[in-house]
PDB file of N, CA and C in Angstrom:
ATOM      1  N   MET A   1       0.687  -1.130   0.187  1.00  0.00           N
ATOM      2  CA  MET A   1      -0.042   0.007  -0.134  1.00  0.00           C
ATOM      3  C   MET A   1       1.057   1.148  -0.383  1.00  0.00           C
ATOM      4  N   PRO A   2       1.300   2.135  -1.200  1.00  0.00           N
ATOM      5  CA  PRO A   2       1.941   3.101  -1.047  1.00  0.00           C
ATOM      6  C   PRO A   2       1.527   4.168  -0.089  1.00  0.00           C
ATOM      7  N   SER A   3       2.289   4.823   0.231  1.00  0.00           N
ATOM      8  CA  SER A   3       2.117   5.744   1.668  1.00  0.00           C
ATOM      9  C   SER A   3       3.013   6.955   1.411  1.00  0.00           C
ATOM     10  N   SER A   4       3.023   7.812   0.478  1.00  0.00           N
ATOM     11  CA  SER A   4       3.472   8.603   0.297  1.00  0.00           C
ATOM     12  C   SER A   4       2.486  10.007  -0.287  1.00  0.00           C
ATOM     13  N   SER A   5       3.385  11.183   0.088  1.00  0.00           N
ATOM     14  CA  SER A   5       2.436  12.463  -0.580  1.00  0.00           C
ATOM     15  C   SER A   5       2.043  12.527  -1.760  1.00  0.00           C
ATOM     16  N   ARG A   6       3.084  11.607  -2.511  1.00  0.00           N
ATOM     17  CA  ARG A   6       2.912  11.393  -4.118  1.00  0.00           C
ATOM     18  C   ARG A   6       1.351  10.774  -4.288  1.00  0.00           C
ATOM     19  N   TYR A   7       1.276   9.524  -3.748  1.00  0.00           N
ATOM     20  CA  TYR A   7       0.075   8.594  -3.526  1.00  0.00           C
ATOM     21  C   TYR A   7      -0.888   8.813  -2.098  1.00  0.00           C
ATOM     22  N   PRO A   8      -1.452   9.864  -2.074  1.00  0.00           N
ATOM     23  CA  PRO A   8      -2.035  10.416  -0.850  1.00  0.00           C
ATOM     24  C   PRO A   8      -2.867   8.825  -0.443  1.00  0.00           C
ATOM     25  N   ASN A   9      -3.280   8.550   0.352  1.00  0.00           N
ATOM     26  CA  ASN A   9      -4.094   7.428   1.223  1.00  0.00           C
ATOM     27  C   ASN A   9      -5.645   8.383   1.800  1.00  0.00           C
ATOM     28  N   THR A  10      -6.604   8.085   1.240  1.00  0.00           N
ATOM     29  CA  THR A  10      -7.814   8.053   1.790  1.00  0.00           C
ATOM     30  C   THR A  10      -8.168   8.261   3.317  1.00  0.00           C
ATOM     31  N   PRO A  11      -8.243   9.572   4.104  1.00  0.00           N
ATOM     32  CA  PRO A  11      -8.271   9.451   5.468  1.00  0.00           C
ATOM     33  C   PRO A  11      -9.196   7.985   6.056  1.00  0.00           C
ATOM     34  N   ASP A  12     -10.020   7.102   5.577  1.00  0.00           N
ATOM     35  CA  ASP A  12     -10.174   6.014   5.798  1.00  0.00           C
ATOM     36  C   ASP A  12      -9.197   4.722   5.620  1.00  0.00           C
ATOM     37  N   GLY A  13      -8.416   4.736   5.011  1.00  0.00           N
ATOM     38  CA  GLY A  13      -7.278   4.263   4.022  1.00  0.00           C
ATOM     39  C   GLY A  13      -8.089   2.642   3.357  1.00  0.00           C
ATOM     40  N   ARG A  14      -8.935   3.240   2.779  1.00  0.00           N
ATOM     41  CA  ARG A  14      -8.980   2.188   1.854  1.00  0.00           C
ATOM     42  C   ARG A  14      -8.419   2.506   0.344  1.00  0.00           C
ATOM     43  N   TYR A  15      -8.173   3.686   0.163  1.00  0.00           N
ATOM     44  CA  TYR A  15      -7.545   3.715  -1.139  1.00  0.00           C
ATOM     45  C   TYR A  15      -6.448   4.793  -1.033  1.00  0.00           C
ATOM     46  N   PHE A  16      -5.327   4.861  -2.104  1.00  0.00           N
ATOM     47  CA  PHE A  16      -4.814   5.540  -2.372  1.00  0.00           C
ATOM     48  C   PHE A  16      -4.893   6.381  -3.841  1.00  0.00           C
ATOM     49  N   VAL A  17      -4.473   7.596  -3.787  1.00  0.00           N
ATOM     50  CA  VAL A  17      -4.724   7.953  -5.027  1.00  0.00           C
ATOM     51  C   VAL A  17      -3.350   8.134  -6.410  1.00  0.00           C
ATOM     52  N   VAL A  18      -3.932   7.847  -7.642  1.00  0.00           N
ATOM     53  CA  VAL A  18      -3.054   8.257  -8.424  1.00  0.00           C
ATOM     54  C   VAL A  18      -3.385   8.912  -9.335  1.00  0.00           C
ATOM     55  N   LYS A  19      -3.148  10.114 -10.234  1.00  0.00           N
ATOM     56  CA  LYS A  19      -3.508  11.073 -11.198  1.00  0.00           C
ATOM     57  C   LYS A  19      -5.171  11.303 -10.912  1.00  0.00           C
ATOM     58  N   GLY A  20      -5.314  11.135  -9.760  1.00  0.00           N
ATOM     59  CA  GLY A  20      -7.040  11.564  -9.790  1.00  0.00           C
ATOM     60  C   GLY A  20      -7.891  10.347  -8.954  1.00  0.00           C
ATOM     61  N   ARG A  21      -7.444   9.365  -9.453  1.00  0.00           N
ATOM     62  CA  ARG A  21      -8.106   7.492  -9.451  1.00  0.00           C
ATOM     63  C   ARG A  21      -7.922   6.532  -7.884  1.00  0.00           C
ATOM     64  N   LEU A  22      -8.630   6.404  -7.630  1.00  0.00           N
ATOM     65  CA  LEU A  22      -8.738   5.906  -6.591  1.00  0.00           C
ATOM     66  C   LEU A  22      -7.908   4.681  -6.949  1.00  0.00           C
ATOM     67  N   TRP A  23      -7.669   3.979  -6.018  1.00  0.00           N
ATOM     68  CA  TRP A  23      -7.217   2.515  -5.905  1.00  0.00           C
ATOM     69  C   TRP A  23      -6.718   2.134  -4.630  1.00  0.00           C
ATOM     70  N   ARG A  24      -7.747   0.904  -4.489  1.00  0.00           N
ATOM     71  CA  ARG A  24      -7.821   0.262  -3.764  1.00  0.00           C
ATOM     72  C   ARG A  24      -6.720  -1.062  -2.788  1.00  0.00           C
ATOM     73  N   SER A  25      -6.456  -0.302  -1.604  1.00  0.00           N
ATOM     74  CA  SER A  25      -5.260  -0.573  -0.953  1.00  0.00           C
ATOM     75  C   SER A  25      -5.529  -2.007  -0.256  1.00  0.00           C
ATOM     76  N   SER A  26      -4.095  -2.357   0.050  1.00  0.00           N
ATOM     77  CA  SER A  26      -4.352  -3.763   0.365  1.00  0.00           C
ATOM     78  C   SER A  26      -5.178  -3.860   1.866  1.00  0.00           C
ATOM     79  N   ASN A  27      -5.224  -5.060   2.283  1.00  0.00           N
ATOM     80  CA  ASN A  27      -6.194  -5.017   3.266  1.00  0.00           C
ATOM     81  C   ASN A  27      -5.232  -5.039   4.621  1.00  0.00           C
ATOM     82  N   PRO A  28      -5.491  -3.936   5.363  1.00  0.00           N
ATOM     83  CA  PRO A  28      -4.393  -3.641   6.489  1.00  0.00           C
ATOM     84  C   PRO A  28      -4.069  -4.641   7.828  1.00  0.00           C
ATOM     85  N   HIS A  29      -5.009  -5.391   7.955  1.00  0.00           N
ATOM     86  CA  HIS A  29      -5.280  -6.417   8.814  1.00  0.00           C
ATOM     87  C   HIS A  29      -4.835  -7.651   8.298  1.00  0.00           C
ATOM     88  N   LEU A  30      -4.214  -7.752   7.131  1.00  0.00           N
ATOM     89  CA  LEU A  30      -3.173  -9.017   7.162  1.00  0.00           C
ATOM     90  C   LEU A  30      -1.808  -9.097   7.979  1.00  0.00           C
ATOM     91  N   ALA A  31      -1.567 -10.068   8.290  1.00  0.00           N
ATOM     92  CA  ALA A  31      -0.063 -10.286   9.242  1.00  0.00           C
ATOM     93  C   ALA A  31       0.990  -9.724   8.140  1.00  0.00           C
ATOM     94  N   PRO A  32       1.752  -9.134   8.766  1.00  0.00           N
ATOM     95  CA  PRO A  32       2.930  -8.491   7.805  1.00  0.00           C
ATOM     96  C   PRO A  32       3.653  -9.609   7.125  1.00  0.00           C
ATOM     97  N   ASP A  33       3.780 -10.760   7.662  1.00  0.00           N
ATOM     98  CA  ASP A  33       4.429 -11.981   6.824  1.00  0.00           C
ATOM     99  C   ASP A  33       3.280 -12.618   5.876  1.00  0.00           C
ATOM    100  N   GLU A  34       2.165 -12.465   6.318  1.00  0.00           N
ATOM    101  CA  GLU A  34       1.177 -13.141   5.168  1.00  0.00           C
ATOM    102  C   GLU A  34       1.154 -12.024   3.939  1.00  0.00           C
ATOM    103  N   ARG A  35       1.356 -10.313   4.291  1.00  0.00           N
ATOM    104  CA  ARG A  35       0.980  -9.636   3.183  1.00  0.00           C
ATOM    105  C   ARG A  35       2.529  -9.528   2.308  1.00  0.00           C
ATOM    106  N   GLN A  36       3.804  -9.890   2.875  1.00  0.00           N
ATOM    107  CA  GLN A  36       4.928 -10.177   1.879  1.00  0.00           C
ATOM    108  C   GLN A  36       4.730 -11.365   1.207  1.00  0.00           C
ATOM    109  N   GLN A  37       4.045 -12.610   1.883  1.00  0.00           N
ATOM    110  CA  GLN A  37       4.355 -13.614   0.679  1.00  0.00           C
ATOM    111  C   GLN A  37       3.635 -13.332  -0.073  1.00  0.00           C
ATOM    112  N   LEU A  38       2.469 -12.548   0.198  1.00  0.00           N
ATOM    113  CA  LEU A  38       1.218 -12.473  -1.099  1.00  0.00           C
ATOM    114  C   LEU A  38       2.255 -11.443  -1.826  1.00  0.00           C
ATOM    115  N   VAL A  39       2.652 -10.336  -1.556  1.00  0.00           N
ATOM    116  CA  VAL A  39       3.825  -9.166  -2.244  1.00  0.00           C
ATOM    117  C   VAL A  39       4.525 -10.252  -3.579  1.00  0.00           C
ATOM    118  N   ASN A  40       5.083 -10.607  -2.775  1.00  0.00           N
ATOM    119  CA  ASN A  40       6.186 -11.472  -3.139  1.00  0.00           C
ATOM    120  C   ASN A  40       5.380 -12.436  -4.696  1.00  0.00           C
ATOM    121  N   ARG A  41       4.279 -13.259  -4.476  1.00  0.00           N
ATOM    122  CA  ARG A  41       3.850 -13.810  -5.175  1.00  0.00           C
ATOM    123  C   ARG A  41       3.368 -12.880  -6.462  1.00  0.00           C
ATOM    124  N   LEU A  42       2.668 -11.434  -6.166  1.00  0.00           N
ATOM    125  CA  LEU A  42       2.116 -10.670  -7.306  1.00  0.00           C
ATOM    126  C   LEU A  42       3.179 -10.363  -7.867  1.00  0.00           C
ATOM    127  N   MET A  43       4.686  -9.996  -7.112  1.00  0.00           N
ATOM    128  CA  MET A  43       5.643  -9.762  -8.009  1.00  0.00           C
ATOM    129  C   MET A  43       6.006 -10.700  -9.003  1.00  0.00           C
ATOM    130  N   ASP A  44       6.401 -12.062  -8.438  1.00  0.00           N
ATOM    131  CA  ASP A  44       6.788 -13.062  -9.262  1.00  0.00           C
ATOM    132  C   ASP A  44       5.281 -13.446 -10.482  1.00  0.00           C
ATOM    133  N   ALA A  45       4.462 -13.147 -10.161  1.00  0.00           N
ATOM    134  CA  ALA A  45       3.405 -13.279 -11.615  1.00  0.00           C
ATOM    135  C   ALA A  45       3.342 -12.041 -11.974  1.00  0.00           C
ATOM    136  N   ARG A  46       3.452 -10.593 -11.753  1.00  0.00           N
ATOM    137  CA  ARG A  46       4.146 -10.003 -12.722  1.00  0.00           C
ATOM    138  C   ARG A  46       5.216 -10.191 -13.500  1.00  0.00           C
ATOM    139  N   ARG A  47       6.255 -10.578 -13.000  1.00  0.00           N
ATOM    140  CA  ARG A  47       7.639 -11.257 -13.874  1.00  0.00           C
ATOM    141  C   ARG A  47       6.763 -12.047 -14.982  1.00  0.00           C
ATOM    142  N   GLN A  48       6.321 -12.666 -14.443  1.00  0.00           N
ATOM    143  CA  GLN A  48       6.061 -13.895 -15.725  1.00  0.00           C
ATOM    144  C   GLN A  48       4.683 -13.439 -16.551  1.00  0.00           C
ATOM    145  N   VAL A  49       4.264 -12.534 -16.455  1.00  0.00           N
ATOM    146  CA  VAL A  49       3.484 -11.792 -17.351  1.00  0.00           C
ATOM    147  C   VAL A  49       4.461 -10.882 -18.492  1.00  0.00           C
ATOM    148  N   GLY A  50       5.503 -10.612 -17.717  1.00  0.00           N
ATOM    149  CA  GLY A  50       6.592  -9.960 -18.780  1.00  0.00           C
ATOM    150  C   GLY A  50       7.125 -10.615 -19.572  1.00  0.00           C
ATOM    151  N   ALA A  51       7.872 -11.679 -19.097  1.00  0.00           N
ATOM    152  CA  ALA A  51       8.147 -12.799 -19.654  1.00  0.00           C
ATOM    153  C   ALA A  51       7.574 -13.504 -20.479  1.00  0.00           C
ATOM    154  N   ALA A  52       6.381 -13.552 -20.578  1.00  0.00           N
ATOM    155  CA  ALA A  52       4.872 -14.283 -21.586  1.00  0.00           C
ATOM    156  C   ALA A  52       5.071 -13.128 -22.746  1.00  0.00           C
ATOM    157  N   LEU A  53       4.821 -12.004 -22.262  1.00  0.00           N
ATOM    158  CA  LEU A  53       4.762 -11.238 -23.244  1.00  0.00           C
ATOM    159  C   LEU A  53       6.036 -11.177 -24.430  1.00  0.00           C
ATOM    160  N   LYS A  54       7.096 -11.008 -23.600  1.00  0.00           N
ATOM    161  CA  LYS A  54       8.455 -11.065 -24.539  1.00  0.00           C
ATOM    162  C   LYS A  54       8.352 -12.269 -25.404  1.00  0.00           C
ATOM    163  N   ALA A  55       8.279 -13.438 -24.917  1.00  0.00           N
ATOM    164  CA  ALA A  55       8.173 -14.915 -25.162  1.00  0.00           C
ATOM    165  C   ALA A  55       7.049 -14.780 -26.333  1.00  0.00           C
ATOM    166  N   ASN A  56       5.824 -13.874 -26.568  1.00  0.00           N
ATOM    167  CA  ASN A  56       4.807 -13.823 -27.292  1.00  0.00           C
ATOM    168  C   ASN A  56       3.707 -15.560 -26.780  1.00  0.00           C
ATOM    169  N   ASP A  57       3.936 -15.755 -25.841  1.00  0.00           N
ATOM    170  CA  ASP A  57       3.359 -17.014 -25.396  1.00  0.00           C
ATOM    171  C   ASP A  57       2.127 -16.712 -24.688  1.00  0.00           C
ATOM    172  N   GLU A  58       0.705 -16.752 -25.787  1.00  0.00           N
ATOM    173  CA  GLU A  58      -0.850 -16.054 -24.609  1.00  0.00           C
ATOM    174  C   GLU A  58      -0.693 -17.000 -23.745  1.00  0.00           C
ATOM    175  N   ALA A  59      -0.652 -18.584 -23.700  1.00  0.00           N
ATOM    176  CA  ALA A  59      -1.276 -19.750 -22.830  1.00  0.00           C
ATOM    177  C   ALA A  59      -0.311 -19.344 -21.140  1.00  0.00           C
ATOM    178  N   ALA A  60       0.925 -18.979 -21.771  1.00  0.00           N
ATOM    179  CA  ALA A  60       1.531 -18.396 -20.510  1.00  0.00           C
ATOM    180  C   ALA A  60       1.216 -17.221 -19.894  1.00  0.00           C
ATOM    181  N   GLU A  61       0.809 -16.326 -20.697  1.00  0.00           N
ATOM    182  CA  GLU A  61       0.568 -14.967 -20.570  1.00  0.00           C
ATOM    183  C   GLU A  61      -0.738 -14.947 -19.718  1.00  0.00           C
ATOM    184  N   ARG A  62      -2.086 -16.035 -20.018  1.00  0.00           N
ATOM    185  CA  ARG A  62      -3.099 -15.901 -19.560  1.00  0.00           C
ATOM    186  C   ARG A  62      -2.793 -16.261 -18.373  1.00  0.00           C
ATOM    187  N   ALA A  63      -2.189 -17.661 -17.948  1.00  0.00           N
ATOM    188  CA  ALA A  63      -1.633 -17.756 -16.662  1.00  0.00           C
ATOM    189  C   ALA A  63      -1.458 -17.022 -16.054  1.00  0.00           C
ATOM    190  N   ALA A  64      -0.136 -16.210 -16.400  1.00  0.00           N
ATOM    191  CA  ALA A  64       0.641 -15.683 -15.491  1.00  0.00           C
ATOM    192  C   ALA A  64      -0.577 -14.463 -14.776  1.00  0.00           C
ATOM    193  N   ARG A  65      -1.200 -13.871 -15.698  1.00  0.00           N
ATOM    194  CA  ARG A  65      -2.364 -12.731 -15.339  1.00  0.00           C
ATOM    195  C   ARG A  65      -3.017 -13.499 -14.302  1.00  0.00           C
ATOM    196  N   ALA A  66      -3.887 -14.733 -14.511  1.00  0.00           N
ATOM    197  CA  ALA A  66      -4.520 -15.069 -13.567  1.00  0.00           C
ATOM    198  C   ALA A  66      -3.576 -15.018 -12.113  1.00  0.00           C
ATOM    199  N   GLY A  67      -2.007 -15.557 -11.819  1.00  0.00           N
ATOM    200  CA  GLY A  67      -1.686 -15.720 -10.780  1.00  0.00           C
ATOM    201  C   GLY A  67      -1.704 -14.001 -10.040  1.00  0.00           C
ATOM    202  N   VAL A  68      -1.875 -13.140 -11.352  1.00  0.00           N
ATOM    203  CA  VAL A  68      -1.437 -11.240 -10.751  1.00  0.00           C
ATOM    204  C   VAL A  68      -3.014 -11.280 -10.148  1.00  0.00           C
ATOM    205  N   ASP A  69      -4.178 -11.705 -10.967  1.00  0.00           N
ATOM    206  CA  ASP A  69      -5.742 -11.589  -9.917  1.00  0.00           C
ATOM    207  C   ASP A  69      -5.637 -12.134  -8.784  1.00  0.00           C
ATOM    208  N   GLU A  70      -4.865 -13.848  -8.704  1.00  0.00           N
ATOM    209  CA  GLU A  70      -5.624 -14.244  -8.048  1.00  0.00           C
ATOM    210  C   GLU A  70      -4.143 -13.852  -6.348  1.00  0.00           C
ATOM    211  N   ALA A  71      -3.298 -12.976  -6.668  1.00  0.00           N
ATOM    212  CA  ALA A  71      -2.494 -12.623  -5.556  1.00  0.00           C
ATOM    213  C   ALA A  71      -3.207 -10.906  -5.232  1.00  0.00           C
ATOM    214  N   LYS A  72      -4.054 -10.526  -6.068  1.00  0.00           N
ATOM    215  CA  LYS A  72      -4.477  -9.050  -5.875  1.00  0.00           C
ATOM    216  C   LYS A  72      -5.497  -9.210  -4.734  1.00  0.00           C
ATOM    217  N   ARG A  73      -6.653 -10.449  -5.333  1.00  0.00           N
ATOM    218  CA  ARG A  73      -7.573 -10.816  -4.775  1.00  0.00           C
ATOM    219  C   ARG A  73      -7.247 -10.971  -3.573  1.00  0.00           C
ATOM    220  N   ALA A  74      -6.116 -12.164  -2.990  1.00  0.00           N
ATOM    221  CA  ALA A  74      -5.841 -12.018  -1.757  1.00  0.00           C
ATOM    222  C   ALA A  74      -4.970 -11.268  -1.019  1.00  0.00           C
ATOM    223  N   LEU A  75      -4.727 -10.055  -1.644  1.00  0.00           N
ATOM    224  CA  LEU A  75      -4.290  -8.885  -0.666  1.00  0.00           C
ATOM    225  C   LEU A  75      -5.523  -7.931  -0.397  1.00  0.00           C
ATOM    226  N   GLY A  76      -6.815  -8.474  -0.942  1.00  0.00           N
ATOM    227  CA  GLY A  76      -7.984  -7.319  -1.020  1.00  0.00           C
ATOM    228  C   GLY A  76      -7.695  -5.962  -1.730  1.00  0.00           C
ATOM    229  N   GLU A  77      -7.050  -6.338  -3.146  1.00  0.00           N
ATOM    230  CA  GLU A  77      -7.072  -5.399  -3.577  1.00  0.00           C
ATOM    231  C   GLU A  77      -8.276  -5.206  -4.896  1.00  0.00           C
ATOM    232  N   ARG A  78      -8.715  -6.543  -5.265  1.00  0.00           N
ATOM    233  CA  ARG A  78      -9.566  -6.865  -5.755  1.00  0.00           C
ATOM    234  C   ARG A  78     -10.402  -7.906  -4.998  1.00  0.00           C
ATOM    235  N   GLY A  79     -11.727  -7.790  -6.165  1.00  0.00           N
ATOM    236  CA  GLY A  79     -12.416  -9.080  -5.424  1.00  0.00           C
ATOM    237  C   GLY A  79     -13.364  -8.226  -4.388  1.00  0.00           C
ATOM    238  N   PRO A  80     -14.031  -9.180  -3.419  1.00  0.00           N
ATOM    239  CA  PRO A  80     -14.503  -8.468  -2.307  1.00  0.00           C
ATOM    240  C   PRO A  80     -13.937  -7.303  -1.277  1.00  0.00           C
ATOM    241  N   VAL A  81     -14.509  -6.342  -1.191  1.00  0.00           N
ATOM    242  CA  VAL A  81     -13.879  -5.540  -0.255  1.00  0.00           C
ATOM    243  C   VAL A  81     -13.541  -6.149   1.138  1.00  0.00           C
ATOM    244  N   TRP A  82     -12.362  -5.504   2.004  1.00  0.00           N
ATOM    245  CA  TRP A  82     -12.118  -6.500   2.971  1.00  0.00           C
ATOM    246  C   TRP A  82     -12.642  -5.293   4.411  1.00  0.00           C
ATOM    247  N   TRP A  83     -13.231  -4.614   4.312  1.00  0.00           N
ATOM    248  CA  TRP A  83     -14.088  -3.530   5.317  1.00  0.00           C
ATOM    249  C   TRP A  83     -15.122  -4.257   5.214  1.00  0.00           C
ATOM    250  N   THR A  84     -15.876  -3.965   6.182  1.00  0.00           N
ATOM    251  CA  THR A  84     -17.552  -4.569   7.062  1.00  0.00           C
ATOM    252  C   THR A  84     -18.227  -3.449   7.385  1.00  0.00           C
ATOM    253  N   ASP A  85     -18.271  -3.042   6.974  1.00  0.00           N
ATOM    254  CA  ASP A  85     -19.089  -1.350   7.270  1.00  0.00           C
ATOM    255  C   ASP A  85     -20.537  -1.031   6.115  1.00  0.00           C
ATOM    256  N   GLY A  86     -20.252  -2.371   4.899  1.00  0.00           N
ATOM    257  CA  GLY A  86     -21.074  -1.739   4.330  1.00  0.00           C
ATOM    258  C   GLY A  86     -21.201  -0.829   3.106  1.00  0.00           C
ATOM    259  N   ALA A  87     -20.072   0.047   3.350  1.00  0.00           N
ATOM    260  CA  ALA A  87     -19.390   0.979   2.580  1.00  0.00           C
ATOM    261  C   ALA A  87     -19.136   0.520   0.906  1.00  0.00           C
ATOM    262  N   PRO A  88     -19.737   1.130  -0.450  1.00  0.00           N
ATOM    263  CA  PRO A  88     -19.144   0.754  -1.182  1.00  0.00           C
ATOM    264  C   PRO A  88     -17.681   0.868  -1.492  1.00  0.00           C
ATOM    265  N   ASP A  89     -17.679   0.211  -2.934  1.00  0.00           N
ATOM    266  CA  ASP A  89     -16.072   0.021  -3.637  1.00  0.00           C
ATOM    267  C   ASP A  89     -16.411   1.191  -4.215  1.00  0.00           C
ATOM    268  N   TYR A  90     -15.534   1.881  -4.679  1.00  0.00           N
ATOM    269  CA  TYR A  90     -15.193   2.865  -5.752  1.00  0.00           C
ATOM    270  C   TYR A  90     -13.561   2.944  -6.058  1.00  0.00           C
ATOM    271  N   ASN A  91     -13.191   1.592  -6.307  1.00  0.00           N
ATOM    272  CA  ASN A  91     -12.299   1.232  -6.839  1.00  0.00           C
ATOM    273  C   ASN A  91     -12.218   1.874  -8.173  1.00  0.00           C
ATOM    274  N   ARG A  92     -10.838   2.521  -8.881  1.00  0.00           N
ATOM    275  CA  ARG A  92     -11.100   2.948 -10.489  1.00  0.00           C
ATOM    276  C   ARG A  92     -11.269   3.856 -10.672  1.00  0.00           C
ATOM    277  N   ARG A  93     -12.152   4.660  -9.715  1.00  0.00           N
ATOM    278  CA  ARG A  93     -13.330   5.714 -10.075  1.00  0.00           C
ATOM    279  C   ARG A  93     -12.328   6.870  -9.613  1.00  0.00           C
ATOM    280  N   MET A  94     -12.704   8.146 -10.472  1.00  0.00           N
ATOM    281  CA  MET A  94     -11.682   9.285 -10.523  1.00  0.00           C
ATOM    282  C   MET A  94     -12.388  10.072  -8.690  1.00  0.00           C
ATOM    283  N   ALA A  95     -11.605  10.301  -8.392  1.00  0.00           N
ATOM    284  CA  ALA A  95     -11.745  10.694  -6.717  1.00  0.00           C
ATOM    285  C   ALA A  95     -13.120  12.106  -6.693  1.00  0.00           C
ATOM    286  N   VAL A  96     -12.873  12.748  -7.969  1.00  0.00           N
ATOM    287  CA  VAL A  96     -13.604  13.776  -7.484  1.00  0.00           C
ATOM    288  C   VAL A  96     -15.242  13.373  -8.103  1.00  0.00           C
ATOM    289  N   ASN A  97     -15.433  12.114  -8.667  1.00  0.00           N
ATOM    290  CA  ASN A  97     -17.159  11.611  -8.534  1.00  0.00           C
ATOM    291  C   ASN A  97     -17.365  10.756  -7.367  1.00  0.00           C
ATOM    292  N   THR A  98     -16.791  10.887  -6.435  1.00  0.00           N
ATOM    293  CA  THR A  98     -16.921   9.908  -5.417  1.00  0.00           C
ATOM    294  C   THR A  98     -17.147  10.721  -3.849  1.00  0.00           C
ATOM    295  N   PRO A  99     -17.317   9.978  -3.109  1.00  0.00           N
ATOM    296  CA  PRO A  99     -18.383  11.148  -1.704  1.00  0.00           C
ATOM    297  C   PRO A  99     -16.162  11.355  -1.397  1.00  0.00           C
ATOM    298  N   TYR A 100     -15.273  10.676  -1.994  1.00  0.00           N
ATOM    299  CA  TYR A 100     -13.858  11.261  -1.271  1.00  0.00           C
ATOM    300  C   TYR A 100     -13.859  12.552  -1.937  1.00  0.00           C
ATOM    301  N   ALA A 101     -14.747  13.550  -2.499  1.00  0.00           N
ATOM    302  CA  ALA A 101     -14.225  14.426  -3.598  1.00  0.00           C
ATOM    303  C   ALA A 101     -13.858  15.799  -2.657  1.00  0.00           C
ATOM    304  N   ALA A 102     -14.503  16.181  -1.623  1.00  0.00           N
ATOM    305  CA  ALA A 102     -14.248  17.502  -0.834  1.00  0.00           C
ATOM    306  C   ALA A 102     -12.572  16.993  -0.327  1.00  0.00           C
ATOM    307  N   TRP A 103     -12.240  15.514  -0.105  1.00  0.00           N
ATOM    308  CA  TRP A 103     -11.323  15.316   0.214  1.00  0.00           C
ATOM    309  C   TRP A 103      -9.965  15.934  -0.258  1.00  0.00           C
ATOM    310  N   TYR A 104     -10.331  14.819  -1.496  1.00  0.00           N
ATOM    311  CA  TYR A 104      -9.467  15.006  -2.401  1.00  0.00           C
ATOM    312  C   TYR A 104      -8.841  16.851  -2.600  1.00  0.00           C
ATOM    313  N   ALA A 105     -10.151  17.444  -3.256  1.00  0.00           N
ATOM    314  CA  ALA A 105      -9.914  18.945  -3.443  1.00  0.00           C
ATOM    315  C   ALA A 105      -9.280  19.711  -2.174  1.00  0.00           C
ATOM    316  N   ALA A 106      -9.265  19.489  -1.158  1.00  0.00           N
ATOM    317  CA  ALA A 106      -8.497  20.011  -0.057  1.00  0.00           C
ATOM    318  C   ALA A 106      -6.719  19.861   0.195  1.00  0.00           C
ATOM    319  N   LEU A 107      -6.800  18.767  -0.872  1.00  0.00           N
ATOM    320  CA  LEU A 107      -5.046  18.214  -0.714  1.00  0.00           C
ATOM    321  C   LEU A 107      -4.503  19.645  -1.364  1.00  0.00           C
ATOM    322  N   ASP A 108      -2.936  19.704  -0.972  1.00  0.00           N
ATOM    323  CA  ASP A 108      -2.307  20.581  -1.395  1.00  0.00           C
ATOM    324  C   ASP A 108      -1.864  20.101  -2.818  1.00  0.00           C
ATOM    325  N   GLY A 109      -2.082  20.880  -3.645  1.00  0.00           N
ATOM    326  CA  GLY A 109      -0.988  20.718  -5.186  1.00  0.00           C
ATOM    327  C   GLY A 109      -2.312  20.085  -6.082  1.00  0.00           C
ATOM    328  N   VAL A 110      -3.749  19.873  -5.451  1.00  0.00           N
ATOM    329  CA  VAL A 110      -4.406  19.213  -6.377  1.00  0.00           C
ATOM    330  C   VAL A 110      -4.657  20.481  -7.450  1.00  0.00           C
ATOM    331  N   GLU A 111      -5.527  21.492  -7.322  1.00  0.00           N
ATOM    332  CA  GLU A 111      -5.503  22.321  -8.209  1.00  0.00           C
ATOM    333  C   GLU A 111      -4.775  22.922  -9.074  1.00  0.00           C
ATOM    334  N   SER A 112      -2.939  22.941  -8.202  1.00  0.00           N
ATOM    335  CA  SER A 112      -2.408  23.233  -9.359  1.00  0.00           C
ATOM    336  C   SER A 112      -1.692  22.617 -10.086  1.00  0.00           C
ATOM    337  N   GLY A 113      -2.248  20.868  -9.830  1.00  0.00           N
ATOM    338  CA  GLY A 113      -1.760  20.329 -11.211  1.00  0.00           C
ATOM    339  C   GLY A 113      -0.635  19.358 -10.760  1.00  0.00           C
ATOM    340  N   THR A 114       0.270  19.666  -9.603  1.00  0.00           N
ATOM    341  CA  THR A 114       1.537  18.867  -8.693  1.00  0.00           C
ATOM    342  C   THR A 114       1.474  17.751  -8.293  1.00  0.00           C
ATOM    343  N   LEU A 115       0.029  17.397  -7.762  1.00  0.00           N
ATOM    344  CA  LEU A 115      -0.109  16.429  -7.345  1.00  0.00           C
ATOM    345  C   LEU A 115      -0.263  15.031  -7.893  1.00  0.00           C
ATOM    346  N   ASP A 116       0.218  14.000  -7.965  1.00  0.00           N
ATOM    347  CA  ASP A 116       0.070  12.934  -8.505  1.00  0.00           C
ATOM    348  C   ASP A 116       1.040  12.931  -9.495  1.00  0.00           C
ATOM    349  N   ALA A 117       1.812  14.300 -10.018  1.00  0.00           N
ATOM    350  CA  ALA A 117       2.385  14.038 -11.118  1.00  0.00           C
ATOM    351  C   ALA A 117       3.444  13.147 -11.659  1.00  0.00           C
ATOM    352  N   PRO A 118       3.638  12.643 -12.893  1.00  0.00           N
ATOM    353  CA  PRO A 118       4.446  11.553 -13.093  1.00  0.00           C
ATOM    354  C   PRO A 118       5.682  12.104 -12.803  1.00  0.00           C
ATOM    355  N   ALA A 119       6.705  11.182 -12.395  1.00  0.00           N
ATOM    356  CA  ALA A 119       8.371  11.482 -11.811  1.00  0.00           C
ATOM    357  C   ALA A 119       9.198  11.622 -12.964  1.00  0.00           C
TER     358      ALA A 119
END
C-alpha cells in the first residue's frame, strides 16, 4: 500500500490516489508475513507476465495474469472489499466523482496540478 504524499491515502485508508483515480489499498488486517508472501507472489506473477509477453506465449500470459489476479484478490485489492461496514467500493473511480471529492480537493497541489504528477 503506497503511503507517500505522491500517492495520498484516503482518510479511511481504503484507497490511495494516482492521477486523481482511487485504487483500493491492500487489506491492512493481513499479518505482515502473510502480506509479504502475497506481495512476493504478485511480483513473481508480474514478472511471468512480462516473460510471456516477451516470448509471445499467449497461454503463459493468461496463466500469469491469472496469478496476478489471484494475488491481488488475496491482498484485498480486488474482489470482495475487506472492510465490513457495508460501504461501496469506489476502486478505479475518479476521486472527484466519489464521496472523497471534498477530501481530494482539499489536498495541497491538486488545483495546481502538481499532486500525482509523474516523476
